[in-house]
Amino acid sequence: MLVGLPGAGKTTVGALVARSLGAAFSDVDELIERDEHRTVSKLFAERGETAFRLLERAQVERLMEAAPGVIAPGGGWAAQAGALEQVQGLVLTVYLDTAPETAGQRTASQGHRPLLVGGDPYETMRALFAARRAFYERADGVVKTDERTPEAVAMEVVALARSAGGW
């Protein structure tokens, strides 16, 4: 399971890792959008973040019951009370460590991210990083992403999965 800020590369890297491991890849936001027939932004607007986080947690629980694979929850999943504790010992969690400035740069033009709408993406990322960093750092492994290609990051995650995750 990959955790980190929006823009850390969870979806891009996750797909590459899954391909390398011959495993399924699940983007939790995409699954929620499919099931709810709405974008994450629309869900935030209509139901609020708390309702979205409940959907997110339920989706992760369903994925945990499925065959082993690579899971990319939203950037806020790991910061929800008990989320990481719920999966500890069951899956390998890897924190894609991305500087807030890098995450802000990567997401600045992505209007579909609900927590970034209408604000300065750099300030938002710094605030999210300050609020979530301690949670992210509870992951089983850490891989730095700044100034690295998705392929290089994926290779390091694959190495962690093989050495510590039983792949």
N, C-alpha and C. Protein backbone atom coordinates (compact mmCIF):
# COMPACT_ATOMS: atom_id res chain seq x y z
N MET A 1 0.85 -1.16 0.00
CA MET A 1 0.00 0.00 0.00
C MET A 1 0.90 1.23 0.00
N LEU A 2 0.59 2.15 -0.90
CA LEU A 2 1.39 3.37 -1.02
C LEU A 2 0.66 4.54 -0.37
N VAL A 3 1.37 5.29 0.46
CA VAL A 3 0.79 6.46 1.11
C VAL A 3 1.68 7.66 0.83
N GLY A 4 1.09 8.84 0.94
CA GLY A 4 1.85 10.07 0.73
C GLY A 4 0.92 11.19 0.28
N LEU A 5 1.48 12.34 0.15
CA LEU A 5 0.74 13.53 -0.28
C LEU A 5 0.10 13.33 -1.65
N PRO A 6 -0.95 14.11 -1.93
CA PRO A 6 -1.41 14.16 -3.32
C PRO A 6 -0.24 14.62 -4.18
N GLY A 7 -0.05 13.98 -5.31
CA GLY A 7 1.08 14.34 -6.16
C GLY A 7 2.36 13.60 -5.85
N ALA A 8 2.33 12.71 -4.87
CA ALA A 8 3.53 11.94 -4.52
C ALA A 8 3.84 10.89 -5.58
N GLY A 9 2.83 10.51 -6.35
CA GLY A 9 3.04 9.50 -7.39
C GLY A 9 2.43 8.16 -7.07
N LYS A 10 1.49 8.12 -6.12
CA LYS A 10 0.92 6.83 -5.70
C LYS A 10 0.29 6.06 -6.86
N THR A 11 -0.45 6.75 -7.71
CA THR A 11 -1.11 6.08 -8.83
C THR A 11 -0.11 5.68 -9.90
N THR A 12 0.74 6.59 -10.30
CA THR A 12 1.73 6.30 -11.34
C THR A 12 2.69 5.21 -10.90
N VAL A 13 3.27 5.39 -9.73
CA VAL A 13 4.23 4.42 -9.21
C VAL A 13 3.53 3.10 -8.90
N GLY A 14 2.33 3.17 -8.33
CA GLY A 14 1.60 1.96 -7.99
C GLY A 14 1.35 1.07 -9.19
N ALA A 15 0.98 1.67 -10.31
CA ALA A 15 0.74 0.88 -11.53
C ALA A 15 2.03 0.21 -12.00
N LEU A 16 3.15 0.93 -11.92
CA LEU A 16 4.44 0.36 -12.31
C LEU A 16 4.86 -0.77 -11.37
N VAL A 17 4.66 -0.58 -10.09
CA VAL A 17 5.01 -1.60 -9.10
C VAL A 17 4.17 -2.86 -9.34
N ALA A 18 2.88 -2.68 -9.53
CA ALA A 18 1.99 -3.81 -9.76
C ALA A 18 2.42 -4.59 -11.00
N ARG A 19 2.75 -3.87 -12.05
CA ARG A 19 3.19 -4.54 -13.29
C ARG A 19 4.45 -5.35 -13.02
N SER A 20 5.40 -4.77 -12.30
CA SER A 20 6.65 -5.47 -12.00
C SER A 20 6.44 -6.71 -11.14
N LEU A 21 5.47 -6.64 -10.24
CA LEU A 21 5.21 -7.75 -9.33
C LEU A 21 4.21 -8.76 -9.90
N GLY A 22 3.61 -8.41 -11.04
CA GLY A 22 2.58 -9.28 -11.60
C GLY A 22 1.34 -9.31 -10.73
N ALA A 23 1.03 -8.17 -10.14
CA ALA A 23 -0.09 -8.06 -9.21
C ALA A 23 -1.13 -7.09 -9.75
N ALA A 24 -2.30 -7.11 -9.14
CA ALA A 24 -3.35 -6.15 -9.47
C ALA A 24 -3.00 -4.80 -8.86
N PHE A 25 -3.45 -3.74 -9.51
CA PHE A 25 -3.30 -2.39 -8.97
C PHE A 25 -4.68 -1.81 -8.74
N SER A 26 -4.87 -1.19 -7.58
CA SER A 26 -6.15 -0.56 -7.24
C SER A 26 -5.93 0.86 -6.78
N ASP A 27 -6.50 1.80 -7.51
CA ASP A 27 -6.52 3.20 -7.12
C ASP A 27 -7.84 3.42 -6.40
N VAL A 28 -7.79 3.67 -5.12
CA VAL A 28 -9.00 3.76 -4.30
C VAL A 28 -9.93 4.87 -4.78
N ASP A 29 -9.39 6.02 -5.14
CA ASP A 29 -10.24 7.11 -5.63
C ASP A 29 -11.00 6.69 -6.89
N GLU A 30 -10.32 6.01 -7.81
CA GLU A 30 -10.98 5.56 -9.04
C GLU A 30 -12.09 4.56 -8.74
N LEU A 31 -11.86 3.67 -7.80
CA LEU A 31 -12.88 2.68 -7.43
C LEU A 31 -14.10 3.36 -6.80
N ILE A 32 -13.85 4.35 -5.95
CA ILE A 32 -14.96 5.08 -5.33
C ILE A 32 -15.75 5.82 -6.40
N GLU A 33 -15.05 6.48 -7.31
CA GLU A 33 -15.75 7.20 -8.38
C GLU A 33 -16.61 6.25 -9.22
N ARG A 34 -16.09 5.08 -9.51
CA ARG A 34 -16.85 4.09 -10.28
C ARG A 34 -18.10 3.66 -9.52
N ASP A 35 -17.93 3.33 -8.24
CA ASP A 35 -19.04 2.84 -7.44
C ASP A 35 -20.10 3.91 -7.16
N GLU A 36 -19.65 5.13 -6.96
CA GLU A 36 -20.55 6.23 -6.59
C GLU A 36 -21.07 7.02 -7.80
N HIS A 37 -20.51 6.76 -8.96
CA HIS A 37 -20.90 7.47 -10.19
C HIS A 37 -20.73 8.98 -10.05
N ARG A 38 -19.68 9.37 -9.35
CA ARG A 38 -19.35 10.78 -9.12
C ARG A 38 -17.85 10.90 -8.97
N THR A 39 -17.34 12.08 -9.26
CA THR A 39 -15.92 12.33 -9.03
C THR A 39 -15.69 12.55 -7.54
N VAL A 40 -14.45 12.39 -7.13
CA VAL A 40 -14.11 12.65 -5.74
C VAL A 40 -14.46 14.09 -5.38
N SER A 41 -14.17 15.01 -6.29
CA SER A 41 -14.49 16.43 -6.03
C SER A 41 -15.98 16.61 -5.78
N LYS A 42 -16.81 15.96 -6.58
CA LYS A 42 -18.26 16.07 -6.41
C LYS A 42 -18.70 15.45 -5.09
N LEU A 43 -18.08 14.31 -4.73
CA LEU A 43 -18.42 13.69 -3.45
C LEU A 43 -18.07 14.61 -2.29
N PHE A 44 -16.90 15.24 -2.36
CA PHE A 44 -16.52 16.20 -1.31
C PHE A 44 -17.54 17.32 -1.23
N ALA A 45 -17.93 17.85 -2.39
CA ALA A 45 -18.86 18.98 -2.43
C ALA A 45 -20.25 18.59 -1.93
N GLU A 46 -20.72 17.42 -2.32
CA GLU A 46 -22.08 17.01 -1.98
C GLU A 46 -22.20 16.41 -0.58
N ARG A 47 -21.21 15.64 -0.18
CA ARG A 47 -21.33 14.90 1.08
C ARG A 47 -20.31 15.30 2.14
N GLY A 48 -19.24 15.98 1.74
CA GLY A 48 -18.22 16.40 2.68
C GLY A 48 -17.09 15.40 2.81
N GLU A 49 -16.01 15.86 3.40
CA GLU A 49 -14.81 15.02 3.52
C GLU A 49 -15.06 13.82 4.43
N THR A 50 -15.79 14.00 5.50
CA THR A 50 -16.02 12.89 6.44
C THR A 50 -16.72 11.72 5.75
N ALA A 51 -17.74 12.01 4.97
CA ALA A 51 -18.45 10.95 4.24
C ALA A 51 -17.53 10.29 3.22
N PHE A 52 -16.71 11.09 2.55
CA PHE A 52 -15.77 10.51 1.58
C PHE A 52 -14.79 9.58 2.29
N ARG A 53 -14.28 9.99 3.44
CA ARG A 53 -13.31 9.16 4.16
C ARG A 53 -13.93 7.82 4.60
N LEU A 54 -15.21 7.82 4.91
CA LEU A 54 -15.88 6.56 5.24
C LEU A 54 -15.94 5.64 4.02
N LEU A 55 -16.24 6.21 2.85
CA LEU A 55 -16.23 5.42 1.61
C LEU A 55 -14.84 4.89 1.32
N GLU A 56 -13.85 5.74 1.55
CA GLU A 56 -12.46 5.36 1.31
C GLU A 56 -12.05 4.20 2.22
N ARG A 57 -12.39 4.31 3.47
CA ARG A 57 -12.03 3.25 4.42
C ARG A 57 -12.72 1.93 4.06
N ALA A 58 -13.98 2.01 3.67
CA ALA A 58 -14.71 0.80 3.28
C ALA A 58 -14.09 0.17 2.03
N GLN A 59 -13.67 0.99 1.10
CA GLN A 59 -13.05 0.47 -0.13
C GLN A 59 -11.72 -0.22 0.21
N VAL A 60 -10.93 0.38 1.08
CA VAL A 60 -9.66 -0.24 1.48
C VAL A 60 -9.94 -1.58 2.18
N GLU A 61 -10.95 -1.62 3.02
CA GLU A 61 -11.30 -2.88 3.70
C GLU A 61 -11.66 -3.96 2.68
N ARG A 62 -12.41 -3.61 1.64
CA ARG A 62 -12.76 -4.58 0.59
C ARG A 62 -11.51 -5.07 -0.14
N LEU A 63 -10.61 -4.15 -0.43
CA LEU A 63 -9.38 -4.52 -1.13
C LEU A 63 -8.50 -5.42 -0.28
N MET A 64 -8.54 -5.21 1.02
CA MET A 64 -7.73 -6.03 1.92
C MET A 64 -8.21 -7.49 1.93
N GLU A 65 -9.47 -7.70 1.59
CA GLU A 65 -10.03 -9.05 1.56
C GLU A 65 -9.76 -9.75 0.23
N ALA A 66 -9.33 -9.00 -0.77
CA ALA A 66 -9.08 -9.54 -2.10
C ALA A 66 -7.67 -10.13 -2.17
N ALA A 67 -7.34 -10.65 -3.35
CA ALA A 67 -6.00 -11.19 -3.57
C ALA A 67 -4.96 -10.09 -3.36
N PRO A 68 -3.75 -10.45 -2.95
CA PRO A 68 -2.71 -9.45 -2.75
C PRO A 68 -2.50 -8.59 -4.00
N GLY A 69 -2.27 -7.33 -3.78
CA GLY A 69 -2.05 -6.40 -4.87
C GLY A 69 -1.46 -5.12 -4.34
N VAL A 70 -1.35 -4.15 -5.21
CA VAL A 70 -0.83 -2.83 -4.86
C VAL A 70 -2.02 -1.89 -4.74
N ILE A 71 -2.10 -1.20 -3.62
CA ILE A 71 -3.23 -0.32 -3.32
C ILE A 71 -2.72 1.10 -3.15
N ALA A 72 -3.41 2.04 -3.79
CA ALA A 72 -3.09 3.46 -3.65
C ALA A 72 -4.33 4.19 -3.14
N PRO A 73 -4.43 4.38 -1.82
CA PRO A 73 -5.54 5.18 -1.30
C PRO A 73 -5.25 6.67 -1.53
N GLY A 74 -6.25 7.49 -1.25
CA GLY A 74 -6.04 8.93 -1.36
C GLY A 74 -5.01 9.41 -0.36
N GLY A 75 -4.50 10.61 -0.59
CA GLY A 75 -3.45 11.17 0.26
C GLY A 75 -3.84 11.34 1.71
N GLY A 76 -5.13 11.45 2.01
CA GLY A 76 -5.56 11.64 3.38
C GLY A 76 -5.91 10.37 4.12
N TRP A 77 -5.94 9.25 3.41
CA TRP A 77 -6.34 7.99 4.05
C TRP A 77 -5.49 7.67 5.26
N ALA A 78 -4.17 7.75 5.12
CA ALA A 78 -3.26 7.35 6.20
C ALA A 78 -3.39 8.24 7.44
N ALA A 79 -3.92 9.44 7.26
CA ALA A 79 -4.04 10.37 8.38
C ALA A 79 -5.36 10.22 9.14
N GLN A 80 -6.18 9.27 8.73
CA GLN A 80 -7.44 9.03 9.44
C GLN A 80 -7.16 8.14 10.64
N ALA A 81 -7.78 8.44 11.74
CA ALA A 81 -7.56 7.69 12.99
C ALA A 81 -7.73 6.20 12.76
N GLY A 82 -6.70 5.44 13.10
CA GLY A 82 -6.74 4.00 13.05
C GLY A 82 -6.52 3.37 11.69
N ALA A 83 -6.40 4.16 10.64
CA ALA A 83 -6.28 3.60 9.29
C ALA A 83 -5.02 2.75 9.14
N LEU A 84 -3.88 3.31 9.47
CA LEU A 84 -2.64 2.55 9.34
C LEU A 84 -2.59 1.37 10.30
N GLU A 85 -3.10 1.56 11.49
CA GLU A 85 -3.11 0.48 12.47
C GLU A 85 -3.95 -0.69 11.97
N GLN A 86 -5.00 -0.39 11.23
CA GLN A 86 -5.89 -1.41 10.71
C GLN A 86 -5.18 -2.36 9.73
N VAL A 87 -4.18 -1.85 9.02
CA VAL A 87 -3.50 -2.68 8.00
C VAL A 87 -2.12 -3.16 8.43
N GLN A 88 -1.61 -2.66 9.57
CA GLN A 88 -0.29 -3.07 10.02
C GLN A 88 -0.22 -4.58 10.22
N GLY A 89 0.85 -5.15 9.72
CA GLY A 89 1.05 -6.58 9.82
C GLY A 89 0.32 -7.37 8.74
N LEU A 90 -0.57 -6.71 8.01
CA LEU A 90 -1.32 -7.37 6.93
C LEU A 90 -0.78 -7.02 5.56
N VAL A 91 -0.30 -5.80 5.43
CA VAL A 91 0.27 -5.33 4.15
C VAL A 91 1.53 -4.53 4.43
N LEU A 92 2.35 -4.42 3.43
CA LEU A 92 3.51 -3.54 3.50
C LEU A 92 3.05 -2.15 3.10
N THR A 93 3.28 -1.18 3.97
CA THR A 93 2.94 0.20 3.63
C THR A 93 4.23 0.95 3.31
N VAL A 94 4.19 1.70 2.22
CA VAL A 94 5.36 2.45 1.78
C VAL A 94 4.96 3.91 1.61
N TYR A 95 5.69 4.77 2.28
CA TYR A 95 5.47 6.21 2.21
C TYR A 95 6.30 6.77 1.06
N LEU A 96 5.63 7.33 0.07
CA LEU A 96 6.31 8.02 -1.02
C LEU A 96 6.55 9.44 -0.53
N ASP A 97 7.74 9.67 -0.06
CA ASP A 97 8.13 10.93 0.59
C ASP A 97 8.44 11.98 -0.47
N THR A 98 7.56 12.96 -0.53
CA THR A 98 7.65 14.03 -1.53
C THR A 98 7.58 15.37 -0.81
N ALA A 99 8.49 16.26 -1.14
CA ALA A 99 8.45 17.59 -0.53
C ALA A 99 7.14 18.29 -0.90
N PRO A 100 6.57 19.06 0.01
CA PRO A 100 5.32 19.76 -0.29
C PRO A 100 5.42 20.63 -1.55
N GLU A 101 6.58 21.23 -1.76
CA GLU A 101 6.76 22.08 -2.95
C GLU A 101 6.68 21.24 -4.23
N THR A 102 7.27 20.05 -4.20
CA THR A 102 7.21 19.16 -5.36
C THR A 102 5.78 18.70 -5.59
N ALA A 103 5.09 18.31 -4.53
CA ALA A 103 3.70 17.88 -4.64
C ALA A 103 2.83 19.02 -5.16
N GLY A 104 3.08 20.23 -4.67
CA GLY A 104 2.34 21.40 -5.15
C GLY A 104 2.56 21.64 -6.63
N GLN A 105 3.80 21.50 -7.06
CA GLN A 105 4.12 21.68 -8.48
C GLN A 105 3.43 20.63 -9.33
N ARG A 106 3.44 19.39 -8.88
CA ARG A 106 2.84 18.29 -9.64
C ARG A 106 1.32 18.41 -9.72
N THR A 107 0.70 18.99 -8.72
CA THR A 107 -0.77 19.04 -8.68
C THR A 107 -1.35 20.42 -9.02
N ALA A 108 -0.51 21.42 -9.24
CA ALA A 108 -0.99 22.79 -9.45
C ALA A 108 -2.02 22.90 -10.56
N SER A 109 -1.86 22.12 -11.61
CA SER A 109 -2.77 22.22 -12.75
C SER A 109 -3.89 21.19 -12.70
N GLN A 110 -3.97 20.43 -11.63
CA GLN A 110 -4.98 19.37 -11.53
C GLN A 110 -6.17 19.86 -10.72
N GLY A 111 -7.15 20.39 -11.39
CA GLY A 111 -8.32 20.95 -10.73
C GLY A 111 -9.24 19.93 -10.11
N HIS A 112 -8.99 18.64 -10.35
CA HIS A 112 -9.89 17.61 -9.83
C HIS A 112 -9.60 17.20 -8.39
N ARG A 113 -8.62 17.80 -7.77
CA ARG A 113 -8.28 17.42 -6.40
C ARG A 113 -9.03 18.35 -5.44
N PRO A 114 -9.98 17.80 -4.68
CA PRO A 114 -10.90 18.64 -3.91
C PRO A 114 -10.24 19.52 -2.86
N LEU A 115 -9.16 19.08 -2.24
CA LEU A 115 -8.54 19.91 -1.21
C LEU A 115 -7.67 21.02 -1.80
N LEU A 116 -7.51 21.02 -3.13
CA LEU A 116 -6.67 22.04 -3.76
C LEU A 116 -7.47 23.09 -4.51
N VAL A 117 -8.78 22.93 -4.58
CA VAL A 117 -9.62 23.84 -5.34
C VAL A 117 -9.65 25.21 -4.67
N GLY A 118 -9.36 26.24 -5.46
CA GLY A 118 -9.50 27.61 -5.00
C GLY A 118 -8.41 28.15 -4.10
N GLY A 119 -7.34 27.42 -3.91
CA GLY A 119 -6.28 27.91 -3.05
C GLY A 119 -4.93 27.78 -3.69
N ASP A 120 -3.93 28.25 -2.98
CA ASP A 120 -2.55 28.14 -3.43
C ASP A 120 -2.10 26.70 -3.18
N PRO A 121 -1.79 25.94 -4.25
CA PRO A 121 -1.44 24.52 -4.06
C PRO A 121 -0.20 24.33 -3.19
N TYR A 122 0.71 25.28 -3.21
CA TYR A 122 1.93 25.15 -2.41
C TYR A 122 1.63 25.32 -0.93
N GLU A 123 0.82 26.31 -0.61
CA GLU A 123 0.41 26.51 0.79
C GLU A 123 -0.42 25.33 1.28
N THR A 124 -1.32 24.86 0.43
CA THR A 124 -2.16 23.72 0.79
C THR A 124 -1.29 22.50 1.07
N MET A 125 -0.32 22.23 0.20
CA MET A 125 0.55 21.07 0.40
C MET A 125 1.39 21.20 1.66
N ARG A 126 1.87 22.39 1.95
CA ARG A 126 2.64 22.57 3.19
C ARG A 126 1.76 22.28 4.40
N ALA A 127 0.50 22.74 4.36
CA ALA A 127 -0.42 22.48 5.47
C ALA A 127 -0.77 21.00 5.58
N LEU A 128 -1.02 20.34 4.44
CA LEU A 128 -1.32 18.91 4.46
C LEU A 128 -0.11 18.13 4.98
N PHE A 129 1.07 18.50 4.53
CA PHE A 129 2.29 17.83 4.97
C PHE A 129 2.47 17.96 6.48
N ALA A 130 2.26 19.16 7.00
CA ALA A 130 2.40 19.39 8.44
C ALA A 130 1.40 18.53 9.22
N ALA A 131 0.19 18.40 8.71
CA ALA A 131 -0.84 17.65 9.41
C ALA A 131 -0.68 16.13 9.26
N ARG A 132 -0.10 15.68 8.15
CA ARG A 132 -0.09 14.25 7.85
C ARG A 132 1.27 13.57 7.99
N ARG A 133 2.32 14.33 8.06
CA ARG A 133 3.67 13.75 8.04
C ARG A 133 3.87 12.66 9.08
N ALA A 134 3.45 12.90 10.30
CA ALA A 134 3.65 11.92 11.38
C ALA A 134 2.94 10.61 11.06
N PHE A 135 1.80 10.68 10.40
CA PHE A 135 1.08 9.46 10.01
C PHE A 135 1.84 8.74 8.90
N TYR A 136 2.25 9.48 7.88
CA TYR A 136 2.98 8.88 6.76
C TYR A 136 4.24 8.17 7.25
N GLU A 137 4.90 8.78 8.20
CA GLU A 137 6.17 8.22 8.68
C GLU A 137 5.99 6.93 9.49
N ARG A 138 4.76 6.54 9.78
CA ARG A 138 4.50 5.27 10.45
C ARG A 138 4.53 4.09 9.47
N ALA A 139 4.64 4.39 8.19
CA ALA A 139 4.67 3.33 7.18
C ALA A 139 5.86 2.41 7.41
N ASP A 140 5.77 1.22 6.84
CA ASP A 140 6.84 0.23 6.99
C ASP A 140 8.12 0.63 6.27
N GLY A 141 7.98 1.37 5.19
CA GLY A 141 9.14 1.79 4.41
C GLY A 141 8.94 3.19 3.87
N VAL A 142 10.04 3.83 3.52
CA VAL A 142 10.00 5.19 2.98
C VAL A 142 10.83 5.21 1.70
N VAL A 143 10.26 5.81 0.65
CA VAL A 143 10.98 5.99 -0.60
C VAL A 143 10.85 7.46 -1.00
N LYS A 144 11.97 8.11 -1.17
CA LYS A 144 11.97 9.52 -1.59
C LYS A 144 11.65 9.59 -3.09
N THR A 145 10.85 10.58 -3.47
CA THR A 145 10.44 10.69 -4.87
C THR A 145 10.99 11.93 -5.57
N ASP A 146 11.40 12.92 -4.82
CA ASP A 146 11.85 14.18 -5.44
C ASP A 146 13.01 13.94 -6.40
N GLU A 147 12.91 14.58 -7.56
CA GLU A 147 13.96 14.53 -8.59
C GLU A 147 14.29 13.11 -9.03
N ARG A 148 13.28 12.22 -8.98
CA ARG A 148 13.46 10.84 -9.43
C ARG A 148 12.34 10.51 -10.40
N THR A 149 12.63 9.64 -11.32
CA THR A 149 11.60 9.21 -12.26
C THR A 149 10.65 8.24 -11.56
N PRO A 150 9.42 8.14 -12.05
CA PRO A 150 8.50 7.15 -11.49
C PRO A 150 9.08 5.73 -11.57
N GLU A 151 9.80 5.44 -12.63
CA GLU A 151 10.39 4.11 -12.79
C GLU A 151 11.43 3.82 -11.70
N ALA A 152 12.25 4.81 -11.38
CA ALA A 152 13.25 4.62 -10.33
C ALA A 152 12.59 4.44 -8.97
N VAL A 153 11.56 5.22 -8.70
CA VAL A 153 10.83 5.08 -7.44
C VAL A 153 10.17 3.70 -7.38
N ALA A 154 9.56 3.29 -8.48
CA ALA A 154 8.89 1.99 -8.52
C ALA A 154 9.88 0.86 -8.28
N MET A 155 11.07 0.95 -8.86
CA MET A 155 12.08 -0.09 -8.65
C MET A 155 12.42 -0.22 -7.17
N GLU A 156 12.53 0.91 -6.48
CA GLU A 156 12.84 0.86 -5.05
C GLU A 156 11.68 0.27 -4.25
N VAL A 157 10.45 0.61 -4.63
CA VAL A 157 9.29 0.04 -3.94
C VAL A 157 9.23 -1.47 -4.19
N VAL A 158 9.49 -1.89 -5.42
CA VAL A 158 9.51 -3.33 -5.73
C VAL A 158 10.55 -4.04 -4.89
N ALA A 159 11.73 -3.44 -4.75
CA ALA A 159 12.79 -4.04 -3.93
C ALA A 159 12.32 -4.18 -2.48
N LEU A 160 11.63 -3.16 -1.96
CA LEU A 160 11.08 -3.25 -0.59
C LEU A 160 10.03 -4.36 -0.51
N ALA A 161 9.18 -4.42 -1.51
CA ALA A 161 8.13 -5.44 -1.50
C ALA A 161 8.72 -6.84 -1.51
N ARG A 162 9.80 -7.01 -2.24
CA ARG A 162 10.43 -8.34 -2.31
C ARG A 162 11.21 -8.66 -1.03
N SER A 163 11.84 -7.66 -0.45
CA SER A 163 12.66 -7.93 0.74
C SER A 163 11.86 -7.94 2.04
N ALA A 164 10.87 -7.06 2.13
CA ALA A 164 10.14 -6.95 3.40
C ALA A 164 8.68 -7.35 3.30
N GLY A 165 8.16 -7.42 2.08
CA GLY A 165 6.74 -7.66 1.91
C GLY A 165 6.35 -9.05 1.47
N GLY A 166 7.34 -9.91 1.26
CA GLY A 166 7.04 -11.28 0.90
C GLY A 166 6.67 -11.53 -0.55
N TRP A 167 6.98 -10.63 -1.44
CA TRP A 167 6.66 -10.84 -2.87
C TRP A 167 7.71 -11.68 -3.52
